[in-house]
Each structure stands twice: as C-alpha cells, then as structure tokens.
PDB file of N, CA and C in Angstrom:
ATOM      1  N   MET A   1     172.732 102.996 135.579  1.00  0.00           N
ATOM      2  CA  MET A   1     172.953 104.084 134.650  1.00  0.00           C
ATOM      3  C   MET A   1     173.353 105.323 135.434  1.00  0.00           C
ATOM      4  N   LEU A   2     174.378 106.008 134.969  1.00  0.00           N
ATOM      5  CA  LEU A   2     174.797 107.255 135.581  1.00  0.00           C
ATOM      6  C   LEU A   2     173.806 108.351 135.240  1.00  0.00           C
ATOM      7  N   CYS A   3     173.619 109.270 136.156  1.00  0.00           N
ATOM      8  CA  CYS A   3     172.750 110.408 135.893  1.00  0.00           C
ATOM      9  C   CYS A   3     173.300 111.173 134.696  1.00  0.00           C
ATOM     10  N   GLY A   4     172.499 111.307 133.670  1.00  0.00           N
ATOM     11  CA  GLY A   4     172.926 112.003 132.467  1.00  0.00           C
ATOM     12  C   GLY A   4     173.718 111.144 131.506  1.00  0.00           C
ATOM     13  N   GLY A   5     174.122 109.953 131.924  1.00  0.00           N
ATOM     14  CA  GLY A   5     174.872 109.057 131.044  1.00  0.00           C
ATOM     15  C   GLY A   5     173.932 108.184 130.238  1.00  0.00           C
ATOM     16  N   PRO A   6     174.400 107.636 129.122  1.00  0.00           N
ATOM     17  CA  PRO A   6     173.544 106.770 128.318  1.00  0.00           C
ATOM     18  C   PRO A   6     173.316 105.424 128.987  1.00  0.00           C
ATOM     19  N   SER A   7     172.186 104.818 128.678  1.00  0.00           N
ATOM     20  CA  SER A   7     171.848 103.500 129.213  1.00  0.00           C
ATOM     21  C   SER A   7     172.706 102.437 128.529  1.00  0.00           C
ATOM     22  N   ALA A   8     172.563 101.209 128.983  1.00  0.00           N
ATOM     23  CA  ALA A   8     173.185 100.083 128.294  1.00  0.00           C
ATOM     24  C   ALA A   8     172.465  99.889 126.951  1.00  0.00           C
ATOM     25  N   THR A   9     173.133  99.250 126.015  1.00  0.00           N
ATOM     26  CA  THR A   9     172.514  98.953 124.723  1.00  0.00           C
ATOM     27  C   THR A   9     171.442  97.893 124.919  1.00  0.00           C
ATOM     28  N   LYS A  10     170.272  98.134 124.303  1.00  0.00           N
ATOM     29  CA  LYS A  10     169.143  97.215 124.401  1.00  0.00           C
ATOM     30  C   LYS A  10     168.618  96.910 123.001  1.00  0.00           C
ATOM     31  N   PRO A  11     167.976  95.752 122.815  1.00  0.00           N
ATOM     32  CA  PRO A  11     167.352  95.461 121.524  1.00  0.00           C
ATOM     33  C   PRO A  11     166.261  96.499 121.225  1.00  0.00           C
ATOM     34  N   ALA A  12     166.132  96.847 119.956  1.00  0.00           N
ATOM     35  CA  ALA A  12     165.107  97.815 119.555  1.00  0.00           C
ATOM     36  C   ALA A  12     163.715  97.280 119.866  1.00  0.00           C
ATOM     37  N   THR A  13     162.819  98.193 120.184  1.00  0.00           N
ATOM     38  CA  THR A  13     161.428  97.865 120.481  1.00  0.00           C
ATOM     39  C   THR A  13     160.538  98.490 119.402  1.00  0.00           C
ATOM     40  N   ASP A  14     159.239  98.242 119.494  1.00  0.00           N
ATOM     41  CA  ASP A  14     158.303  98.891 118.571  1.00  0.00           C
ATOM     42  C   ASP A  14     158.393 100.407 118.704  1.00  0.00           C
ATOM     43  N   GLU A  15     158.588 100.904 119.927  1.00  0.00           N
ATOM     44  CA  GLU A  15     158.714 102.345 120.167  1.00  0.00           C
ATOM     45  C   GLU A  15     159.984 102.887 119.504  1.00  0.00           C
ATOM     46  N   THR A  16     161.079 102.131 119.589  1.00  0.00           N
ATOM     47  CA  THR A  16     162.322 102.542 118.937  1.00  0.00           C
ATOM     48  C   THR A  16     162.120 102.651 117.432  1.00  0.00           C
ATOM     49  N   GLN A  17     161.432 101.677 116.843  1.00  0.00           N
ATOM     50  CA  GLN A  17     161.174 101.702 115.401  1.00  0.00           C
ATOM     51  C   GLN A  17     160.309 102.907 115.037  1.00  0.00           C
ATOM     52  N   ARG A  18     159.321 103.216 115.877  1.00  0.00           N
ATOM     53  CA  ARG A  18     158.454 104.377 115.621  1.00  0.00           C
ATOM     54  C   ARG A  18     159.281 105.665 115.614  1.00  0.00           C
ATOM     55  N   ILE A  19     160.210 105.796 116.572  1.00  0.00           N
ATOM     56  CA  ILE A  19     161.073 106.978 116.648  1.00  0.00           C
ATOM     57  C   ILE A  19     161.948 107.062 115.390  1.00  0.00           C
ATOM     58  N   ALA A  20     162.556 105.943 115.012  1.00  0.00           N
ATOM     59  CA  ALA A  20     163.399 105.916 113.813  1.00  0.00           C
ATOM     60  C   ALA A  20     162.587 106.288 112.572  1.00  0.00           C
ATOM     61  N   ASP A  21     161.402 105.714 112.445  1.00  0.00           N
ATOM     62  CA  ASP A  21     160.551 105.998 111.285  1.00  0.00           C
ATOM     63  C   ASP A  21     160.177 107.479 111.214  1.00  0.00           C
ATOM     64  N   GLU A  22     159.973 108.083 112.369  1.00  0.00           N
ATOM     65  CA  GLU A  22     159.552 109.483 112.403  1.00  0.00           C
ATOM     66  C   GLU A  22     160.648 110.441 111.910  1.00  0.00           C
ATOM     67  N   VAL A  23     161.910 110.059 112.074  1.00  0.00           N
ATOM     68  CA  VAL A  23     163.006 110.938 111.608  1.00  0.00           C
ATOM     69  C   VAL A  23     163.621 110.447 110.295  1.00  0.00           C
ATOM     70  N   LYS A  24     163.080 109.385 109.726  1.00  0.00           N
ATOM     71  CA  LYS A  24     163.626 108.825 108.480  1.00  0.00           C
ATOM     72  C   LYS A  24     163.699 109.880 107.379  1.00  0.00           C
ATOM     73  N   THR A  25     162.658 110.670 107.200  1.00  0.00           N
ATOM     74  CA  THR A  25     162.662 111.676 106.127  1.00  0.00           C
ATOM     75  C   THR A  25     163.729 112.740 106.377  1.00  0.00           C
ATOM     76  N   GLN A  26     164.001 113.072 107.642  1.00  0.00           N
ATOM     77  CA  GLN A  26     165.074 114.029 107.954  1.00  0.00           C
ATOM     78  C   GLN A  26     166.425 113.461 107.500  1.00  0.00           C
ATOM     79  N   LEU A  27     166.661 112.182 107.785  1.00  0.00           N
ATOM     80  CA  LEU A  27     167.908 111.535 107.390  1.00  0.00           C
ATOM     81  C   LEU A  27     168.013 111.445 105.869  1.00  0.00           C
ATOM     82  N   GLU A  28     166.928 111.055 105.212  1.00  0.00           N
ATOM     83  CA  GLU A  28     166.948 110.945 103.753  1.00  0.00           C
ATOM     84  C   GLU A  28     167.243 112.298 103.107  1.00  0.00           C
ATOM     85  N   ALA A  29     166.714 113.370 103.663  1.00  0.00           N
ATOM     86  CA  ALA A  29     166.979 114.713 103.133  1.00  0.00           C
ATOM     87  C   ALA A  29     168.455 115.085 103.325  1.00  0.00           C
ATOM     88  N   LYS A  30     169.020 114.776 104.486  1.00  0.00           N
ATOM     89  CA  LYS A  30     170.421 115.107 104.759  1.00  0.00           C
ATOM     90  C   LYS A  30     171.372 114.281 103.894  1.00  0.00           C
ATOM     91  N   GLU A  31     171.010 113.025 103.653  1.00  0.00           N
ATOM     92  CA  GLU A  31     171.868 112.131 102.870  1.00  0.00           C
ATOM     93  C   GLU A  31     171.551 112.189 101.371  1.00  0.00           C
ATOM     94  N   ASN A  32     170.465 112.842 101.013  1.00  0.00           N
ATOM     95  CA  ASN A  32     170.019 112.951  99.625  1.00  0.00           C
ATOM     96  C   ASN A  32     169.865 111.574  98.967  1.00  0.00           C
ATOM     97  N   ARG A  33     169.222 110.667  99.703  1.00  0.00           N
ATOM     98  CA  ARG A  33     168.934 109.322  99.195  1.00  0.00           C
ATOM     99  C   ARG A  33     167.778 108.718  99.954  1.00  0.00           C
ATOM    100  N   LYS A  34     167.166 107.699  99.376  1.00  0.00           N
ATOM    101  CA  LYS A  34     166.053 106.987 100.015  1.00  0.00           C
ATOM    102  C   LYS A  34     166.578 105.665 100.579  1.00  0.00           C
ATOM    103  N   PHE A  35     165.983 105.233 101.671  1.00  0.00           N
ATOM    104  CA  PHE A  35     166.358 103.970 102.308  1.00  0.00           C
ATOM    105  C   PHE A  35     165.182 103.002 102.216  1.00  0.00           C
ATOM    106  N   PRO A  36     165.245 102.020 101.288  1.00  0.00           N
ATOM    107  CA  PRO A  36     164.143 101.065 101.170  1.00  0.00           C
ATOM    108  C   PRO A  36     164.023 100.160 102.398  1.00  0.00           C
ATOM    109  N   VAL A  37     165.152  99.918 103.072  1.00  0.00           N
ATOM    110  CA  VAL A  37     165.173  99.165 104.325  1.00  0.00           C
ATOM    111  C   VAL A  37     165.501 100.171 105.419  1.00  0.00           C
ATOM    112  N   PHE A  38     164.762 100.133 106.530  1.00  0.00           N
ATOM    113  CA  PHE A  38     165.010 101.064 107.638  1.00  0.00           C
ATOM    114  C   PHE A  38     164.541 100.397 108.924  1.00  0.00           C
ATOM    115  N   LYS A  39     165.364  99.479 109.443  1.00  0.00           N
ATOM    116  CA  LYS A  39     164.973  98.671 110.596  1.00  0.00           C
ATOM    117  C   LYS A  39     165.861  98.981 111.793  1.00  0.00           C
ATOM    118  N   ALA A  40     165.246  99.486 112.855  1.00  0.00           N
ATOM    119  CA  ALA A  40     165.960  99.734 114.109  1.00  0.00           C
ATOM    120  C   ALA A  40     166.391  98.399 114.698  1.00  0.00           C
ATOM    121  N   MET A  41     167.662  98.297 115.062  1.00  0.00           N
ATOM    122  CA  MET A  41     168.207  97.039 115.577  1.00  0.00           C
ATOM    123  C   MET A  41     168.447  97.077 117.094  1.00  0.00           C
ATOM    124  N   GLU A  42     169.008  98.183 117.574  1.00  0.00           N
ATOM    125  CA  GLU A  42     169.276  98.333 118.997  1.00  0.00           C
ATOM    126  C   GLU A  42     169.342  99.811 119.325  1.00  0.00           C
ATOM    127  N   PHE A  43     169.316 100.119 120.636  1.00  0.00           N
ATOM    128  CA  PHE A  43     169.319 101.528 121.030  1.00  0.00           C
ATOM    129  C   PHE A  43     169.872 101.713 122.429  1.00  0.00           C
ATOM    130  N   LYS A  44     170.239 102.954 122.700  1.00  0.00           N
ATOM    131  CA  LYS A  44     170.569 103.435 124.043  1.00  0.00           C
ATOM    132  C   LYS A  44     169.733 104.685 124.241  1.00  0.00           C
ATOM    133  N   SER A  45     169.473 105.040 125.490  1.00  0.00           N
ATOM    134  CA  SER A  45     168.777 106.299 125.758  1.00  0.00           C
ATOM    135  C   SER A  45     169.557 107.064 126.820  1.00  0.00           C
ATOM    136  N   GLN A  46     169.357 108.378 126.802  1.00  0.00           N
ATOM    137  CA  GLN A  46     170.038 109.267 127.747  1.00  0.00           C
ATOM    138  C   GLN A  46     169.044 110.345 128.144  1.00  0.00           C
ATOM    139  N   VAL A  47     168.770 110.439 129.436  1.00  0.00           N
ATOM    140  CA  VAL A  47     167.859 111.465 129.928  1.00  0.00           C
ATOM    141  C   VAL A  47     168.635 112.757 130.102  1.00  0.00           C
ATOM    142  N   VAL A  48     168.175 113.788 129.414  1.00  0.00           N
ATOM    143  CA  VAL A  48     168.733 115.137 129.519  1.00  0.00           C
ATOM    144  C   VAL A  48     167.528 116.038 129.782  1.00  0.00           C
ATOM    145  N   ALA A  49     167.425 117.209 129.206  1.00  0.00           N
ATOM    146  CA  ALA A  49     166.204 118.016 129.300  1.00  0.00           C
ATOM    147  C   ALA A  49     165.283 117.512 128.192  1.00  0.00           C
ATOM    148  N   GLY A  50     164.904 116.264 128.312  1.00  0.00           N
ATOM    149  CA  GLY A  50     164.223 115.477 127.299  1.00  0.00           C
ATOM    150  C   GLY A  50     164.974 114.153 127.248  1.00  0.00           C
ATOM    151  N   THR A  51     164.969 113.485 126.094  1.00  0.00           N
ATOM    152  CA  THR A  51     165.671 112.212 125.967  1.00  0.00           C
ATOM    153  C   THR A  51     166.411 112.146 124.639  1.00  0.00           C
ATOM    154  N   ASN A  52     167.672 111.743 124.694  1.00  0.00           N
ATOM    155  CA  ASN A  52     168.431 111.413 123.494  1.00  0.00           C
ATOM    156  C   ASN A  52     168.312 109.915 123.269  1.00  0.00           C
ATOM    157  N   TYR A  53     168.012 109.527 122.042  1.00  0.00           N
ATOM    158  CA  TYR A  53     168.015 108.120 121.658  1.00  0.00           C
ATOM    159  C   TYR A  53     169.144 107.914 120.664  1.00  0.00           C
ATOM    160  N   PHE A  54     169.973 106.935 120.929  1.00  0.00           N
ATOM    161  CA  PHE A  54     171.031 106.520 120.018  1.00  0.00           C
ATOM    162  C   PHE A  54     170.537 105.214 119.409  1.00  0.00           C
ATOM    163  N   ILE A  55     170.310 105.215 118.105  1.00  0.00           N
ATOM    164  CA  ILE A  55     169.658 104.079 117.456  1.00  0.00           C
ATOM    165  C   ILE A  55     170.519 103.567 116.311  1.00  0.00           C
ATOM    166  N   LYS A  56     170.778 102.250 116.319  1.00  0.00           N
ATOM    167  CA  LYS A  56     171.470 101.601 115.194  1.00  0.00           C
ATOM    168  C   LYS A  56     170.385 101.125 114.234  1.00  0.00           C
ATOM    169  N   VAL A  57     170.467 101.581 112.971  1.00  0.00           N
ATOM    170  CA  VAL A  57     169.449 101.262 111.971  1.00  0.00           C
ATOM    171  C   VAL A  57     170.091 100.531 110.802  1.00  0.00           C
ATOM    172  N   HIS A  58     169.493  99.394 110.437  1.00  0.00           N
ATOM    173  CA  HIS A  58     169.919  98.655 109.245  1.00  0.00           C
ATOM    174  C   HIS A  58     169.241  99.315 108.056  1.00  0.00           C
ATOM    175  N   VAL A  59     170.033  99.738 107.055  1.00  0.00           N
ATOM    176  CA  VAL A  59     169.473 100.445 105.900  1.00  0.00           C
ATOM    177  C   VAL A  59     169.677  99.673 104.596  1.00  0.00           C
ATOM    178  N   GLY A  60     169.985  98.399 104.694  1.00  0.00           N
ATOM    179  CA  GLY A  60     170.108  97.558 103.509  1.00  0.00           C
ATOM    180  C   GLY A  60     171.472  96.909 103.396  1.00  0.00           C
ATOM    181  N   GLU A  61     171.469  95.712 102.813  1.00  0.00           N
ATOM    182  CA  GLU A  61     172.667  94.910 102.637  1.00  0.00           C
ATOM    183  C   GLU A  61     173.461  94.869 103.935  1.00  0.00           C
ATOM    184  N   GLU A  62     174.720  95.271 103.915  1.00  0.00           N
ATOM    185  CA  GLU A  62     175.550  95.251 105.133  1.00  0.00           C
ATOM    186  C   GLU A  62     175.735  96.649 105.703  1.00  0.00           C
ATOM    187  N   GLU A  63     174.850  97.588 105.357  1.00  0.00           N
ATOM    188  CA  GLU A  63     175.018  98.985 105.752  1.00  0.00           C
ATOM    189  C   GLU A  63     174.137  99.339 106.958  1.00  0.00           C
ATOM    190  N   PHE A  64     174.748 100.029 107.894  1.00  0.00           N
ATOM    191  CA  PHE A  64     174.059 100.495 109.093  1.00  0.00           C
ATOM    192  C   PHE A  64     174.354 101.972 109.295  1.00  0.00           C
ATOM    193  N   ILE A  65     173.432 102.665 109.937  1.00  0.00           N
ATOM    194  CA  ILE A  65     173.600 104.065 110.298  1.00  0.00           C
ATOM    195  C   ILE A  65     173.291 104.193 111.781  1.00  0.00           C
ATOM    196  N   HIS A  66     174.092 104.988 112.482  1.00  0.00           N
ATOM    197  CA  HIS A  66     173.812 105.302 113.882  1.00  0.00           C
ATOM    198  C   HIS A  66     173.199 106.696 113.921  1.00  0.00           C
ATOM    199  N   MET A  67     172.061 106.819 114.603  1.00  0.00           N
ATOM    200  CA  MET A  67     171.368 108.104 114.688  1.00  0.00           C
ATOM    201  C   MET A  67     171.254 108.540 116.135  1.00  0.00           C
ATOM    202  N   ARG A  68     171.343 109.842 116.365  1.00  0.00           N
ATOM    203  CA  ARG A  68     170.996 110.415 117.667  1.00  0.00           C
ATOM    204  C   ARG A  68     169.749 111.250 117.447  1.00  0.00           C
ATOM    205  N   VAL A  69     168.691 110.867 118.149  1.00  0.00           N
ATOM    206  CA  VAL A  69     167.393 111.522 118.007  1.00  0.00           C
ATOM    207  C   VAL A  69     167.027 112.148 119.350  1.00  0.00           C
ATOM    208  N   PHE A  70     166.618 113.415 119.320  1.00  0.00           N
ATOM    209  CA  PHE A  70     166.225 114.110 120.543  1.00  0.00           C
ATOM    210  C   PHE A  70     164.712 114.198 120.629  1.00  0.00           C
ATOM    211  N   GLN A  71     164.183 113.752 121.779  1.00  0.00           N
ATOM    212  CA  GLN A  71     162.755 113.877 122.079  1.00  0.00           C
ATOM    213  C   GLN A  71     162.625 114.868 123.230  1.00  0.00           C
ATOM    214  N   SER A  72     161.964 115.995 122.954  1.00  0.00           N
ATOM    215  CA  SER A  72     161.808 117.023 123.979  1.00  0.00           C
ATOM    216  C   SER A  72     160.848 116.543 125.065  1.00  0.00           C
ATOM    217  N   LEU A  73     160.754 117.314 126.127  1.00  0.00           N
ATOM    218  CA  LEU A  73     159.824 116.995 127.203  1.00  0.00           C
ATOM    219  C   LEU A  73     158.388 117.094 126.674  1.00  0.00           C
ATOM    220  N   PRO A  74     157.481 116.250 127.196  1.00  0.00           N
ATOM    221  CA  PRO A  74     156.112 116.201 126.662  1.00  0.00           C
ATOM    222  C   PRO A  74     155.394 117.557 126.614  1.00  0.00           C
ATOM    223  N   HIS A  75     155.587 118.393 127.631  1.00  0.00           N
ATOM    224  CA  HIS A  75     154.864 119.663 127.663  1.00  0.00           C
ATOM    225  C   HIS A  75     155.340 120.650 126.592  1.00  0.00           C
ATOM    226  N   GLU A  76     156.530 120.393 125.999  1.00  0.00           N
ATOM    227  CA  GLU A  76     157.046 121.277 124.955  1.00  0.00           C
ATOM    228  C   GLU A  76     156.381 121.024 123.606  1.00  0.00           C
ATOM    229  N   ASN A  77     155.810 119.817 123.447  1.00  0.00           N
ATOM    230  CA  ASN A  77     155.044 119.469 122.251  1.00  0.00           C
ATOM    231  C   ASN A  77     155.822 119.759 120.958  1.00  0.00           C
ATOM    232  N   LYS A  78     157.078 119.317 120.899  1.00  0.00           N
ATOM    233  CA  LYS A  78     157.922 119.521 119.722  1.00  0.00           C
ATOM    234  C   LYS A  78     158.125 118.190 119.005  1.00  0.00           C
ATOM    235  N   PRO A  79     158.347 118.221 117.687  1.00  0.00           N
ATOM    236  CA  PRO A  79     158.602 116.973 116.950  1.00  0.00           C
ATOM    237  C   PRO A  79     159.974 116.402 117.289  1.00  0.00           C
ATOM    238  N   LEU A  80     160.152 115.116 117.005  1.00  0.00           N
ATOM    239  CA  LEU A  80     161.453 114.483 117.182  1.00  0.00           C
ATOM    240  C   LEU A  80     162.460 115.146 116.251  1.00  0.00           C
ATOM    241  N   LEU A  81     163.709 115.242 116.712  1.00  0.00           N
ATOM    242  CA  LEU A  81     164.752 115.901 115.948  1.00  0.00           C
ATOM    243  C   LEU A  81     165.928 114.951 115.732  1.00  0.00           C
ATOM    244  N   LEU A  82     166.320 114.765 114.484  1.00  0.00           N
ATOM    245  CA  LEU A  82     167.530 114.019 114.181  1.00  0.00           C
ATOM    246  C   LEU A  82     168.706 114.947 114.496  1.00  0.00           C
ATOM    247  N   SER A  83     169.333 114.750 115.651  1.00  0.00           N
ATOM    248  CA  SER A  83     170.399 115.648 116.116  1.00  0.00           C
ATOM    249  C   SER A  83     171.709 115.402 115.392  1.00  0.00           C
ATOM    250  N   SER A  84     172.007 114.130 115.144  1.00  0.00           N
ATOM    251  CA  SER A  84     173.275 113.762 114.527  1.00  0.00           C
ATOM    252  C   SER A  84     173.150 112.344 114.000  1.00  0.00           C
ATOM    253  N   TYR A  85     174.069 111.969 113.117  1.00  0.00           N
ATOM    254  CA  TYR A  85     174.085 110.597 112.629  1.00  0.00           C
ATOM    255  C   TYR A  85     175.467 110.253 112.107  1.00  0.00           C
ATOM    256  N   GLN A  86     175.732 108.950 112.028  1.00  0.00           N
ATOM    257  CA  GLN A  86     177.007 108.448 111.522  1.00  0.00           C
ATOM    258  C   GLN A  86     176.719 107.384 110.479  1.00  0.00           C
ATOM    259  N   THR A  87     177.338 107.504 109.314  1.00  0.00           N
ATOM    260  CA  THR A  87     177.145 106.538 108.238  1.00  0.00           C
ATOM    261  C   THR A  87     178.310 105.562 108.195  1.00  0.00           C
ATOM    262  N   LYS A  88     178.220 104.622 107.266  1.00  0.00           N
ATOM    263  CA  LYS A  88     179.282 103.629 107.039  1.00  0.00           C
ATOM    264  C   LYS A  88     179.567 102.796 108.286  1.00  0.00           C
ATOM    265  N   LYS A  89     178.522 102.453 109.000  1.00  0.00           N
ATOM    266  CA  LYS A  89     178.648 101.591 110.173  1.00  0.00           C
ATOM    267  C   LYS A  89     178.356 100.148 109.766  1.00  0.00           C
ATOM    268  N   THR A  90     178.818  99.211 110.572  1.00  0.00           N
ATOM    269  CA  THR A  90     178.558  97.797 110.324  1.00  0.00           C
ATOM    270  C   THR A  90     177.690  97.234 111.440  1.00  0.00           C
ATOM    271  N   LYS A  91     177.224  96.021 111.228  1.00  0.00           N
ATOM    272  CA  LYS A  91     176.403  95.338 112.229  1.00  0.00           C
ATOM    273  C   LYS A  91     177.132  95.243 113.573  1.00  0.00           C
ATOM    274  N   ASP A  92     178.447  95.088 113.527  1.00  0.00           N
ATOM    275  CA  ASP A  92     179.223  94.861 114.744  1.00  0.00           C
ATOM    276  C   ASP A  92     179.765  96.134 115.391  1.00  0.00           C
ATOM    277  N   ASP A  93     179.594  97.281 114.740  1.00  0.00           N
ATOM    278  CA  ASP A  93     180.073  98.531 115.356  1.00  0.00           C
ATOM    279  C   ASP A  93     179.270  98.845 116.611  1.00  0.00           C
ATOM    280  N   GLU A  94     180.000  99.165 117.681  1.00  0.00           N
ATOM    281  CA  GLU A  94     179.352  99.483 118.939  1.00  0.00           C
ATOM    282  C   GLU A  94     178.570 100.792 118.821  1.00  0.00           C
ATOM    283  N   LEU A  95     177.394 100.792 119.398  1.00  0.00           N
ATOM    284  CA  LEU A  95     176.567 101.999 119.451  1.00  0.00           C
ATOM    285  C   LEU A  95     177.050 102.820 120.638  1.00  0.00           C
ATOM    286  N   ALA A  96     177.763 103.906 120.348  1.00  0.00           N
ATOM    287  CA  ALA A  96     178.383 104.716 121.396  1.00  0.00           C
ATOM    288  C   ALA A  96     177.882 106.143 121.318  1.00  0.00           C
ATOM    289  N   TYR A  97     178.098 106.893 122.389  1.00  0.00           N
ATOM    290  CA  TYR A  97     177.714 108.308 122.416  1.00  0.00           C
ATOM    291  C   TYR A  97     178.469 109.057 121.326  1.00  0.00           C
ATOM    292  N   PHE A  98     177.777 109.917 120.624  1.00  0.00           N
ATOM    293  CA  PHE A  98     178.404 110.806 119.638  1.00  0.00           C
ATOM    294  C   PHE A  98     177.634 112.086 119.553  1.00  0.00           C
TER     295      PHE A  98
END
C-alpha cells in the first residue's frame, strides 16, 4: 500500500459492518429513504489524519451504494462521519477512491 493511498479491496468484516451500521442513519437522512437491507460486502481503507473507509453496501435487490466514512484519530473522540457516497452501483462495480 502506498503511503496515503487506499488499500486493496478486502471482504467486509464484522468491524466494517459496525462502521456501516453506525453511519446508516446519516445515509438514510441524505437519501430520504430507509434501507431494510444494509450489508457491507467489501471495503478499502486509507490512512490519513484518521482513516477513510470505502465500503460497498448491499441495500436490497440488485442495488449497492459505495460510502466513504471518516474515522478520526482515537484521541479526538469524534463520531464516524459519512463523508461521501455514490448510489446506483452494482455488485460488480469496482470500489474506487471518490
């Protein structure tokens, strides 16, 4: 991994799902809809002044959303932040930096 560059794509873990679940309400508010299915499928991470997580989330049927979530450094004690997201993604769309 390059310094400051995103990691390779990896299968989602329990920790990835926890991060996705924690920002789910932020996404639902921005999209003005509820997601009955919200399963993290894969992720990349990028170390910055904290960590960016790029997470592919299955939100039902054939629909996927890519999220960028920022986790600040532990001593800052800040909540996770949904920095950006992309809708209308498919299972096969590559999870890339955005």
